[in-house]
Amino acid sequence: MQQQPNMQPHMQGNMMPNAQAGSQGQGQNAPNAPFGAHEIIGMNEVLQATSANAEVLNFLAHHAQDPQVRQLLERQAQAMEQHYVEGVRVLQTNSPMGGQGYQTSMHTQPKLGLRHPTYPAPNLQAQAPSDRAICAVALNLHKFGAMMCTMFALECANPQFRTFLMTSASLCDRMAYDLFAYMNQKGDYQVATLQKNTTQTMIDSYQMPGGMAQPGMPQTPNVQ
């Protein structure tokens, strides 16, 4: 039998330019998405994390021994849930945010300096985490949340998404500070300091532009 010539390479060679032209035409005619890729991915990441954090904070609250810690974490879990709902509304309606529902509750002056700090080793035999561990976990959730939300916000072109994500970072900041303030008062989060003369030397090393008085110094009158 006479072998038939192989027509596939020739056919493929003729078809590929047409196929490419068709795909290019579809891409040119397709409407643009209403949002940028980065901001949709960022909103997705933050909303998923916010939902998970609300559950984790509520779980940690139920294991806290100190009523103050329990109340603080329950309030934060509720605020996270409300913020998640607000974020879904912003995402699906592209509308401005409403008011912020969480206000800092710890108004004590931080204690500076080391006060004989002791940090116990992890106890893997414990039936439940200590309040120190619970606060540390919640605090780190908020710290990393603030950094992540700020990073995503800076990539947003949509003003509503950008505002929501920066508000998310601010929410994490306020919640983190409440936990820090509690741990600081208990001695679980102590703030090391430099020597007083070193601190003052660093502060005084900055100069104001010409003609402007240093902060805290009286302004010299301009005599004509």
Protein backbone atom coordinates (compact mmCIF):
# COMPACT_ATOMS: atom_id res chain seq x y z
CA MET A 1 0.00 0.00 0.00
CA GLN A 2 1.14 3.47 -0.80
CA GLN A 3 1.77 5.51 2.35
CA GLN A 4 -0.35 8.63 2.60
CA PRO A 5 1.54 11.88 3.17
CA ASN A 6 1.34 13.29 6.70
CA MET A 7 -0.78 16.43 6.46
CA GLN A 8 -0.88 17.27 10.18
CA PRO A 9 2.20 19.56 10.35
CA HIS A 10 0.97 21.52 7.35
CA MET A 11 -2.53 21.83 8.76
CA GLN A 12 -1.24 22.86 12.18
CA GLY A 13 1.00 25.45 10.61
CA ASN A 14 -1.96 26.95 8.77
CA MET A 15 -4.28 26.85 11.78
CA MET A 16 -2.05 28.30 14.49
CA PRO A 17 -1.89 31.91 13.19
CA ASN A 18 -5.69 31.97 12.85
CA ALA A 19 -6.14 30.57 16.34
CA GLN A 20 -3.74 33.13 17.77
CA ALA A 21 -5.47 35.92 15.92
CA GLY A 22 -8.82 34.74 17.27
CA SER A 23 -7.57 34.65 20.86
CA GLN A 24 -6.01 38.08 20.49
CA GLY A 25 -9.24 39.43 19.09
CA GLN A 26 -11.19 38.01 22.02
CA GLY A 27 -8.75 39.60 24.46
CA GLN A 28 -9.04 42.98 22.80
CA ASN A 29 -12.83 42.88 22.75
CA ALA A 30 -13.29 41.48 26.26
CA PRO A 31 -14.41 44.10 28.82
CA ASN A 32 -11.97 45.03 31.56
CA ALA A 33 -12.65 43.75 35.07
CA PRO A 34 -13.96 46.49 37.40
CA PHE A 35 -11.12 45.98 39.90
CA GLY A 36 -7.40 45.34 39.81
CA ALA A 37 -6.04 41.85 40.43
CA HIS A 38 -3.92 42.90 43.41
CA GLU A 39 -6.80 44.53 45.28
CA ILE A 40 -9.21 41.63 44.75
CA ILE A 41 -6.57 39.18 46.00
CA GLY A 42 -5.81 41.48 48.94
CA MET A 43 -9.46 41.85 49.92
CA ASN A 44 -9.89 38.09 49.68
CA GLU A 45 -6.89 37.43 51.92
CA VAL A 46 -7.92 39.99 54.53
CA LEU A 47 -11.57 38.93 54.70
CA GLN A 48 -10.61 35.28 55.13
CA ALA A 49 -8.10 36.19 57.85
CA THR A 50 -10.60 38.46 59.60
CA SER A 51 -13.21 35.70 59.70
CA ALA A 52 -10.68 33.19 61.05
CA ASN A 53 -9.31 35.64 63.62
CA ALA A 54 -12.80 36.34 64.97
CA GLU A 55 -13.23 32.62 65.65
CA VAL A 56 -9.75 32.24 67.17
CA LEU A 57 -10.20 35.24 69.48
CA ASN A 58 -13.55 33.90 70.66
CA PHE A 59 -11.98 30.47 71.25
CA LEU A 60 -9.11 31.99 73.24
CA ALA A 61 -11.55 34.06 75.31
CA HIS A 62 -13.30 30.90 76.51
CA HIS A 63 -9.98 29.50 77.79
CA ALA A 64 -8.81 32.63 79.62
CA GLN A 65 -8.77 32.52 83.42
CA ASP A 66 -8.68 36.26 84.10
CA PRO A 67 -12.14 37.82 83.53
CA GLN A 68 -10.47 40.96 82.18
CA VAL A 69 -8.73 38.96 79.45
CA ARG A 70 -11.93 37.07 78.68
CA GLN A 71 -13.96 40.26 78.30
CA LEU A 72 -11.26 41.94 76.23
CA LEU A 73 -10.99 39.04 73.77
CA GLU A 74 -14.75 38.60 73.50
CA ARG A 75 -15.09 42.27 72.61
CA GLN A 76 -12.34 41.97 70.04
CA ALA A 77 -13.96 38.86 68.51
CA GLN A 78 -17.26 40.71 68.14
CA ALA A 79 -15.52 43.71 66.59
CA MET A 80 -13.70 41.42 64.14
CA GLU A 81 -16.99 39.84 63.12
CA GLN A 82 -18.56 43.27 62.57
CA HIS A 83 -15.52 44.35 60.53
CA TYR A 84 -15.81 41.21 58.40
CA VAL A 85 -19.46 42.01 57.65
CA GLU A 86 -18.50 45.57 56.74
CA GLY A 87 -15.73 44.29 54.47
CA VAL A 88 -18.07 41.97 52.59
CA ARG A 89 -20.46 44.88 52.07
CA VAL A 90 -17.66 47.09 50.75
CA LEU A 91 -16.44 44.33 48.41
CA GLN A 92 -19.85 43.47 46.99
CA THR A 93 -21.28 46.99 46.70
CA ASN A 94 -18.10 49.08 46.23
CA SER A 95 -19.55 51.59 48.68
CA PRO A 96 -17.77 53.66 51.38
CA MET A 97 -17.23 52.25 54.84
CA GLY A 98 -19.41 53.01 57.82
CA GLY A 99 -18.20 53.99 61.29
CA GLN A 100 -15.54 52.19 63.29
CA GLY A 101 -16.90 50.10 66.15
CA TYR A 102 -13.83 49.37 68.29
CA GLN A 103 -12.25 51.82 70.68
CA THR A 104 -9.19 51.23 72.86
CA SER A 105 -10.20 50.27 76.39
CA MET A 106 -6.81 50.29 78.13
CA HIS A 107 -5.90 53.84 79.11
CA THR A 108 -3.15 53.15 81.64
CA GLN A 109 0.30 54.68 81.31
CA PRO A 110 2.79 52.06 80.07
CA LYS A 111 5.43 50.94 82.56
CA LEU A 112 8.89 51.44 81.10
CA GLY A 113 12.05 49.63 82.11
CA LEU A 114 12.78 46.05 83.06
CA ARG A 115 11.29 44.81 86.34
CA HIS A 116 13.09 41.48 86.86
CA PRO A 117 11.42 39.81 83.87
CA THR A 118 10.94 36.06 83.82
CA TYR A 119 9.64 34.17 80.80
CA PRO A 120 8.69 30.56 81.58
CA ALA A 121 9.46 27.70 79.21
CA PRO A 122 6.54 26.24 77.23
CA ASN A 123 4.51 23.71 79.20
CA LEU A 124 3.39 21.00 76.79
CA GLN A 125 1.70 19.07 79.61
CA ALA A 126 -0.73 21.86 80.46
CA GLN A 127 -4.42 21.09 79.99
CA ALA A 128 -5.09 24.65 78.78
CA PRO A 129 -2.89 27.57 77.68
CA SER A 130 -1.96 30.17 80.28
CA ASP A 131 -3.33 33.70 80.08
CA ARG A 132 0.19 34.84 79.16
CA ALA A 133 0.22 32.47 76.16
CA ILE A 134 -3.33 33.42 75.16
CA CYS A 135 -2.48 37.12 75.16
CA ALA A 136 0.76 36.52 73.23
CA VAL A 137 -1.05 34.57 70.51
CA ALA A 138 -3.78 37.21 70.16
CA LEU A 139 -1.22 40.02 70.19
CA ASN A 140 0.78 38.45 67.35
CA LEU A 141 -2.40 37.91 65.33
CA HIS A 142 -3.03 41.66 65.48
CA LYS A 143 0.60 42.63 64.80
CA PHE A 144 0.84 40.55 61.64
CA GLY A 145 -2.68 41.58 60.66
CA ALA A 146 -1.73 45.26 60.79
CA MET A 147 1.32 44.66 58.57
CA MET A 148 -0.57 42.50 56.07
CA CYS A 149 -3.50 44.94 55.75
CA THR A 150 -1.16 47.90 55.27
CA MET A 151 0.77 46.06 52.56
CA PHE A 152 -2.40 45.14 50.66
CA ALA A 153 -3.88 48.63 51.04
CA LEU A 154 -0.85 50.22 49.42
CA GLU A 155 -1.47 48.09 46.30
CA CYS A 156 -5.11 49.20 45.93
CA ALA A 157 -6.34 51.50 43.18
CA ASN A 158 -9.96 51.40 44.38
CA PRO A 159 -10.47 54.05 47.11
CA GLN A 160 -13.16 52.07 48.96
CA PHE A 161 -10.98 48.97 49.17
CA ARG A 162 -7.96 51.04 50.18
CA THR A 163 -9.90 52.73 52.99
CA PHE A 164 -11.25 49.42 54.27
CA LEU A 165 -7.82 47.81 54.34
CA MET A 166 -6.19 50.79 56.09
CA THR A 167 -9.07 50.73 58.59
CA SER A 168 -8.35 47.03 59.07
CA ALA A 169 -4.73 47.87 59.88
CA SER A 170 -5.86 50.54 62.35
CA LEU A 171 -8.28 48.09 63.97
CA CYS A 172 -5.46 45.58 64.45
CA ASP A 173 -3.28 48.36 65.88
CA ARG A 174 -5.85 49.32 68.53
CA MET A 175 -6.53 45.72 69.51
CA ALA A 176 -2.81 44.99 69.73
CA TYR A 177 -2.29 47.99 71.97
CA ASP A 178 -5.02 46.85 74.39
CA LEU A 179 -3.33 43.47 74.73
CA PHE A 180 0.11 45.05 75.07
CA ALA A 181 -1.17 47.39 77.80
CA TYR A 182 -2.65 44.48 79.77
CA MET A 183 0.51 42.39 79.43
CA ASN A 184 2.68 45.39 80.29
CA GLN A 185 0.82 46.03 83.54
CA LYS A 186 1.14 42.35 84.47
CA GLY A 187 4.88 42.34 83.73
CA ASP A 188 4.48 39.91 80.82
CA TYR A 189 5.54 42.49 78.21
CA GLN A 190 8.25 44.74 79.58
CA VAL A 191 9.79 47.62 77.67
CA ALA A 192 13.55 47.92 77.84
CA THR A 193 14.97 51.46 77.88
CA LEU A 194 18.29 53.15 77.14
CA GLN A 195 20.20 55.19 79.69
CA LYS A 196 18.57 58.58 80.25
CA ASN A 197 21.50 60.60 78.93
CA THR A 198 21.69 58.42 75.79
CA THR A 199 17.97 58.90 75.15
CA GLN A 200 18.19 62.67 75.62
CA THR A 201 21.27 62.92 73.40
CA MET A 202 19.43 61.16 70.57
CA ILE A 203 16.37 63.38 71.01
CA ASP A 204 18.41 66.59 71.05
CA SER A 205 20.44 65.66 67.97
CA TYR A 206 17.71 66.84 65.57
CA GLN A 207 17.65 70.46 64.47
CA MET A 208 14.80 72.55 63.11
CA PRO A 209 15.14 74.44 59.80
CA GLY A 210 16.65 77.93 59.96
CA GLY A 211 14.50 80.55 61.63
CA MET A 212 12.37 78.05 63.54
CA ALA A 213 12.73 77.62 67.29
CA GLN A 214 13.44 74.19 68.70
CA PRO A 215 10.34 72.51 70.20
CA GLY A 216 9.97 73.53 73.84
CA MET A 217 12.14 76.63 73.40
CA PRO A 218 10.67 80.16 73.40
CA GLN A 219 10.34 81.79 69.99
CA THR A 220 12.76 84.71 69.54
CA PRO A 221 10.82 87.83 68.55
CA ASN A 222 11.65 89.20 65.11
CA VAL A 223 12.76 92.79 65.80
CA GLN A 224 12.68 95.04 62.71
